[in-house]
Structures are given as structure tokens and as C-alpha cells.
Protein backbone atom coordinates (compact mmCIF):
# COMPACT_ATOMS: atom_id res chain seq x y z
CA MET A 1 62.39 53.61 140.24
CA ASP A 2 62.35 54.30 143.99
CA ALA A 3 66.05 55.21 143.80
CA VAL A 4 65.37 57.57 140.89
CA PHE A 5 62.54 59.37 142.66
CA LYS A 6 64.65 59.65 145.82
CA ALA A 7 67.55 61.11 143.85
CA LEU A 8 65.32 63.64 142.08
CA ALA A 9 63.66 64.75 145.33
CA ASP A 10 66.71 66.78 146.37
CA ALA A 11 67.04 70.26 144.86
CA ASN A 12 70.85 70.13 144.93
CA ARG A 13 70.87 66.92 142.91
CA ARG A 14 68.42 68.36 140.41
CA GLN A 15 70.76 71.34 140.08
CA LEU A 16 73.64 68.98 139.25
CA LEU A 17 71.51 67.27 136.59
CA ASP A 18 70.55 70.67 135.16
CA ARG A 19 74.21 71.60 134.94
CA LEU A 20 75.05 68.37 133.11
CA ASN A 21 72.10 68.87 130.79
CA ALA A 22 73.51 72.27 129.83
CA ASP A 23 77.14 71.17 129.65
CA ASN A 24 77.68 67.41 129.66
CA GLY A 25 80.92 65.64 130.51
CA LEU A 26 82.12 67.66 133.53
CA SER A 27 84.71 66.76 136.14
CA LEU A 28 83.98 66.98 139.88
CA ARG A 29 85.91 70.26 139.99
CA GLU A 30 83.86 71.76 137.16
CA LEU A 31 80.59 70.57 138.67
CA SER A 32 81.45 72.08 142.05
CA GLU A 33 82.23 75.56 140.73
CA GLY A 34 79.75 78.23 141.81
CA LEU A 35 77.34 75.85 143.57
CA GLY A 36 77.99 76.94 147.14
CA MET A 37 78.73 73.35 148.14
CA SER A 38 81.98 71.67 149.03
CA ARG A 39 83.43 69.11 146.63
CA GLN A 40 82.78 66.47 149.27
CA ALA A 41 79.07 67.37 149.33
CA VAL A 42 78.90 67.37 145.53
CA SER A 43 80.66 63.99 145.50
CA LYS A 44 78.06 62.55 147.88
CA HIS A 45 75.20 63.85 145.74
CA LEU A 46 76.84 62.40 142.62
CA ALA A 47 77.11 59.02 144.35
CA VAL A 48 73.33 59.03 144.87
CA LEU A 49 72.75 60.03 141.24
CA GLU A 50 75.12 57.30 140.02
CA ALA A 51 73.39 54.71 142.20
CA ALA A 52 70.11 55.70 140.55
CA SER A 53 71.82 55.51 137.10
CA LEU A 54 70.97 59.15 136.44
CA VAL A 55 74.65 59.97 136.01
CA SER A 56 77.30 57.87 134.28
CA THR A 57 81.06 58.38 134.36
CA VAL A 58 83.86 57.94 131.83
CA LYS A 59 87.58 58.04 132.61
CA HIS A 60 89.38 60.66 130.50
CA GLY A 61 93.07 60.72 131.30
CA ARG A 62 93.39 61.39 135.02
CA GLU A 63 89.91 62.85 135.30
CA LYS A 64 86.53 61.21 135.71
CA LEU A 65 83.92 62.95 133.58
CA HIS A 66 80.24 62.90 134.51
CA TYR A 67 77.43 62.54 131.98
CA LEU A 68 73.69 62.91 132.32
CA ASN A 69 72.07 59.53 131.65
CA PRO A 70 68.42 60.02 130.58
CA VAL A 71 67.54 56.31 130.55
CA PRO A 72 65.85 56.05 134.00
CA ILE A 73 63.76 59.18 133.40
CA HIS A 74 62.86 57.89 129.94
CA GLU A 75 61.78 54.56 131.46
CA ILE A 76 59.63 56.31 134.07
CA ALA A 77 57.92 58.27 131.32
CA ASP A 78 57.60 55.12 129.21
CA ARG A 79 55.74 53.37 132.04
CA TRP A 80 52.88 55.88 131.91
CA ILE A 81 52.97 56.90 128.24
CA GLY A 82 50.86 54.93 125.77
CA LYS A 83 52.51 53.13 122.89
CA TYR A 84 51.08 55.60 120.37
CA GLU A 85 52.78 58.51 122.14
CA ARG A 86 56.13 56.78 122.68
CA ASP A 87 57.92 57.85 119.52
CA ARG A 88 56.83 61.47 119.83
CA MET A 89 57.87 61.67 123.47
CA ALA A 90 61.18 59.91 122.80
CA ALA A 91 61.96 62.57 120.22
CA LEU A 92 61.27 65.25 122.83
CA SER A 93 63.84 63.66 125.13
CA HIS A 94 66.59 64.24 122.56
CA LEU A 95 69.61 65.75 124.28
CA LYS A 96 71.35 68.68 122.61
CA HIS A 97 74.89 68.89 123.91
CA VAL A 98 76.41 72.30 124.49
CA LEU A 99 80.09 71.67 125.20
CA GLU A 100 82.74 74.16 126.28
CA GLY A 101 86.46 74.05 125.75
CA PRO A 102 88.38 72.37 122.92
CA PRO A 103 85.90 70.33 120.84
CA MET A 104 88.07 67.20 120.88
CA SER A 105 88.84 67.28 124.62
CA LYS A 106 86.26 64.70 125.68
CA PRO A 107 83.65 62.25 124.31
CA GLU A 108 80.75 64.06 122.68
CA PHE A 109 77.87 61.66 123.38
CA VAL A 110 77.75 59.04 126.13
CA TYR A 111 74.69 56.93 126.88
CA VAL A 112 74.28 54.13 129.42
CA THR A 113 71.54 51.53 129.71
CA TYR A 114 71.09 48.38 131.76
CA ILE A 115 69.69 45.26 130.10
CA GLN A 116 68.57 41.97 131.61
CA THR A 117 70.58 39.67 129.35
CA THR A 118 74.01 38.06 129.03
CA ALA A 119 77.15 39.63 127.56
CA ASP A 120 77.15 37.14 124.65
CA LYS A 121 73.51 37.80 123.75
CA LEU A 122 74.03 41.55 123.94
CA TYR A 123 77.08 41.39 121.68
CA ARG A 124 75.19 39.19 119.23
CA ALA A 125 72.31 41.68 119.17
CA LEU A 126 74.80 44.40 118.18
CA THR A 127 76.36 42.34 115.38
CA ASP A 128 73.81 39.84 114.00
CA PRO A 129 71.84 41.31 111.03
CA ALA A 130 68.82 39.15 111.90
CA PHE A 131 68.61 40.75 115.36
CA ILE A 132 69.55 44.24 114.18
CA LYS A 133 66.72 44.12 111.64
CA ILE A 134 64.16 43.67 114.43
CA TYR A 135 65.03 46.54 116.76
CA MET A 136 66.34 48.95 114.09
CA GLY A 137 63.28 48.60 111.89
CA GLY A 138 64.97 46.86 108.98
CA THR A 139 67.93 49.25 108.81
CA GLY A 140 71.42 49.18 110.32
CA PRO A 141 74.91 47.70 109.90
CA LYS A 142 76.29 44.43 108.56
CA SER A 143 79.87 43.14 108.68
CA ASP A 144 81.97 40.07 109.42
CA TRP A 145 83.11 42.14 112.42
CA LYS A 146 86.80 41.54 111.99
CA VAL A 147 89.14 44.46 112.68
CA GLY A 148 89.73 46.35 109.44
CA SER A 149 86.65 44.91 107.68
CA PRO A 150 84.08 47.24 106.10
CA VAL A 151 80.79 47.93 107.83
CA LEU A 152 77.97 48.06 105.30
CA TRP A 153 74.87 50.09 106.14
CA LYS A 154 71.22 49.85 105.12
CA SER A 155 69.46 53.21 105.44
CA ALA A 156 65.93 52.07 104.57
CA PRO A 157 64.05 48.79 105.13
CA ASP A 158 63.56 48.28 101.40
CA GLY A 159 67.07 49.48 100.50
CA GLU A 160 70.34 47.67 99.93
CA TYR A 161 73.43 47.51 102.11
CA GLU A 162 75.88 50.21 101.02
CA ASP A 163 79.57 50.73 101.58
CA MET A 164 79.79 54.19 103.18
CA ASP A 165 83.48 53.85 104.03
CA GLN A 166 82.89 52.58 107.56
CA GLN A 167 85.39 50.22 109.14
CA VAL A 168 85.59 47.93 112.16
CA LEU A 169 88.05 49.34 114.72
CA GLU A 170 87.63 46.87 117.59
CA ALA A 171 85.62 43.68 118.03
CA VAL A 172 85.94 41.73 121.29
CA PRO A 173 82.92 39.39 121.63
CA GLY A 174 80.99 40.00 124.80
CA LYS A 175 83.06 43.06 125.73
CA ARG A 176 83.54 45.79 123.13
CA LEU A 177 82.61 46.78 119.58
CA ALA A 178 83.78 49.94 117.78
CA TYR A 179 83.61 51.19 114.21
CA THR A 180 83.95 54.40 112.24
CA TRP A 181 80.76 56.25 111.41
CA HIS A 182 79.70 57.26 107.93
CA THR A 183 79.94 60.84 106.71
CA LEU A 184 77.01 63.12 105.95
CA GLN A 185 75.15 62.03 102.83
CA PRO A 186 73.70 64.11 99.93
CA MET A 187 70.28 63.90 101.61
CA HIS A 188 71.69 66.09 104.40
CA ARG A 189 72.58 69.02 102.12
CA ASP A 190 69.41 70.92 103.08
CA LEU A 191 70.70 71.21 106.65
CA PHE A 192 73.36 73.69 105.52
CA ASP A 193 73.23 77.24 104.20
CA SER A 194 75.80 76.76 101.43
CA ASP A 195 77.60 74.13 99.36
CA GLU A 196 80.87 75.24 100.94
CA GLU A 197 79.58 74.68 104.47
CA PHE A 198 78.26 71.24 103.50
CA ALA A 199 81.52 70.28 101.78
CA GLU A 200 83.45 71.11 104.94
CA ALA A 201 81.03 69.17 107.18
CA VAL A 202 81.30 66.07 104.98
CA LYS A 203 84.97 65.75 105.97
CA GLU A 204 84.00 64.95 109.56
CA ARG A 205 84.66 61.34 110.58
CA SER A 206 83.30 60.22 113.93
CA LYS A 207 83.29 56.79 115.54
CA VAL A 208 80.98 54.82 117.77
CA SER A 209 81.86 52.26 120.43
CA PHE A 210 79.83 49.89 122.59
CA ASP A 211 81.25 48.70 125.91
CA ILE A 212 79.64 45.72 127.64
CA GLU A 213 80.25 44.90 131.29
CA PRO A 214 78.35 43.43 134.23
CA ALA A 215 76.17 45.96 136.04
CA GLU A 216 77.38 47.24 139.38
CA ILE A 217 74.33 45.55 140.91
CA PRO A 218 74.06 41.95 139.55
CA MET A 219 70.25 41.97 139.43
CA MET A 220 70.42 44.79 136.84
CA GLY A 221 72.04 42.49 134.27
CA MET A 222 74.53 43.98 131.81
CA LYS A 223 75.68 47.58 131.55
CA LEU A 224 75.94 48.88 127.98
CA THR A 225 77.78 52.16 127.38
CA ILE A 226 77.70 53.75 123.95
CA THR A 227 80.21 56.51 123.17
CA HIS A 228 79.92 58.43 119.90
CA ASP A 229 82.81 60.86 119.51
CA GLY A 230 85.24 62.36 117.04
CA PHE A 231 82.98 65.23 116.02
CA ASP A 232 84.71 68.36 114.73
CA THR A 233 82.49 70.90 116.49
CA PRO A 234 80.01 70.92 119.39
CA ASP A 235 77.25 71.99 116.97
CA SER A 236 77.98 69.15 114.53
CA LYS A 237 74.92 68.23 112.45
CA MET A 238 75.89 64.57 112.70
CA LEU A 239 76.06 64.79 116.50
CA GLU A 240 72.67 66.49 116.55
CA GLY A 241 71.13 63.79 114.36
CA THR A 242 72.66 60.72 115.97
CA SER A 243 72.15 61.59 119.65
CA GLY A 244 68.37 61.28 119.62
CA GLY A 245 68.57 58.35 117.24
CA TRP A 246 70.79 56.30 119.54
CA ILE A 247 68.43 56.86 122.47
CA MET A 248 65.50 55.39 120.56
CA ILE A 249 67.52 52.53 119.04
CA LEU A 250 68.93 51.40 122.38
CA SER A 251 65.53 51.69 124.02
CA ALA A 252 64.21 49.29 121.35
CA LEU A 253 67.25 47.02 121.85
CA LYS A 254 66.51 46.80 125.57
CA THR A 255 62.85 45.99 124.93
CA PHE A 256 63.83 43.30 122.41
CA LEU A 257 66.41 41.56 124.59
CA GLU A 258 64.21 41.60 127.68
CA GLY A 259 61.45 39.82 125.82
CA GLY A 260 59.09 42.75 125.45
CA LYS A 261 57.18 43.63 122.32
CA LEU A 262 58.25 46.51 120.13
CA VAL A 263 55.63 49.05 119.10
CA ALA A 264 55.51 47.64 115.57
CA ASP A 265 54.89 44.13 116.96
CA GLN A 266 52.04 45.37 119.13
CA GLU A 267 50.29 46.96 116.18
CA ASP A 268 50.56 43.84 113.96
């Protein structure tokens, strides 16, 4: 947390975070425009933000894109927020992405967290229904996790696993997991002004991937990067709904793997 507070203490670095909050996934060139700082100065500030895990990067062709990573700030807030306020405050930290340029030009949602565990345990937590049930509140995916296999999904704790036309794209134990995401369901119709608008939105097929690698600093454990992309438009209703959801799910995953108690456990 000392590194986070140090990074946030500088007004120029806060300005960079504000810019990423407004328009996530920017290159060094884009971040430097109009700031009155040289690219070298911006690069140095970004290095401090990356070291504090406030910014994460993703290679996109020849460019390196920078994304705001809210995890450290969320964890600072979590330290001083009571368990009964946690869900409400987590919802307030939901990031709404406003992206410029062609909608398919870069990943839509990128989230990084560091977990004190092993690569094998982290991969198992992402794929084992018994583990998924704990940190996803009885909902979530189930599959044999072979490339091409269906991914069944349970939407409610007392519901059944359903085939929503999701499919495993990649499955490398301890390293990477990727699968297609389900389309909007009938329950989402009220989010749209007309049947025609809803029918068009239902065609959207996004995908989610989880990349597991050792943290840059060994004592931080494993680095987990989730990328949810393939959205048709920056104002996609699916993007809006999943972004905040992933933040809360992965926060619960981290708590579970590090041996902490989930809110539900504490209240039992």
C-alpha cells in the first residue's frame, strides 16, 4: 500500500489515471498528448504506476496499451470498509469504459489482480465447479475444459446448468483459459427501448480469457489478467453489466484462495 499512496501523491500521475479512467487502453503516444510533459516523463510516471499495480499493460500489435487497474485502490478501501458496506461500495467502483476509435481496435475490459497462490491452484479455482460455487455464490460455469467443449452456465444458486452456446477456446492448465461468452438473455429485454434494438444486441458474441503468470515481484504470488473483449460497441449492455461483475467475482476469488473468509461465511 505504501507504493500505491506514493504513486497517488503526484498530481501528474493522478492526471494519467484520470485520463485512463475516461478512455482506457491508451498507448504512450496517446497518453502523452496535451499533457505538457515529454513522453520520457510520462513513461517514468507510468513505471511508478505499474510498480504500484495501478496501471496494467497489454501488447496489441506493435503497441503497448495501458489500462487503469482499480484493484489496489479497491483493496485500500476494503481495508477500512466494514463487511456490510463492501458490496455497495464495490458496485460504486464499477468502471464504465468510454472508448474512442474503431470499437474492435483493442480489448474492451482488462483487469489485473495479484493472488498469493500457485498457478495450478489458481487454474483449478477457475475450472473446478466445487471451487467456483464458493466464490461465485453458487453460480458460474461448468465444463470438461477441453477445446471445443461446451461451457454450461448456472445463473442462480437454485437453478440448473444451461447450455447458452458457450464454448471453450483455449485451456492450458496453469497458464491460460478462454471461452466464448453467452449472449444477452430474455431477462435483459427491459434494458432496451425496442424489440428491434434488443434483437440486434443479442447477436453480439464476446469472449473472456484468463492469463496466469508469476508476478513481477515473487512475493506477490501469481498475476491474473482477465480480458473480456469482442463487444460490438463501446456502449454495449453486456460490457456494462460484466465489467462490475468481474471486479466483484475476482475480489471474492482472491479472498478465497488466500484463505480469507467471504462475506457470506462471516455472516453464517
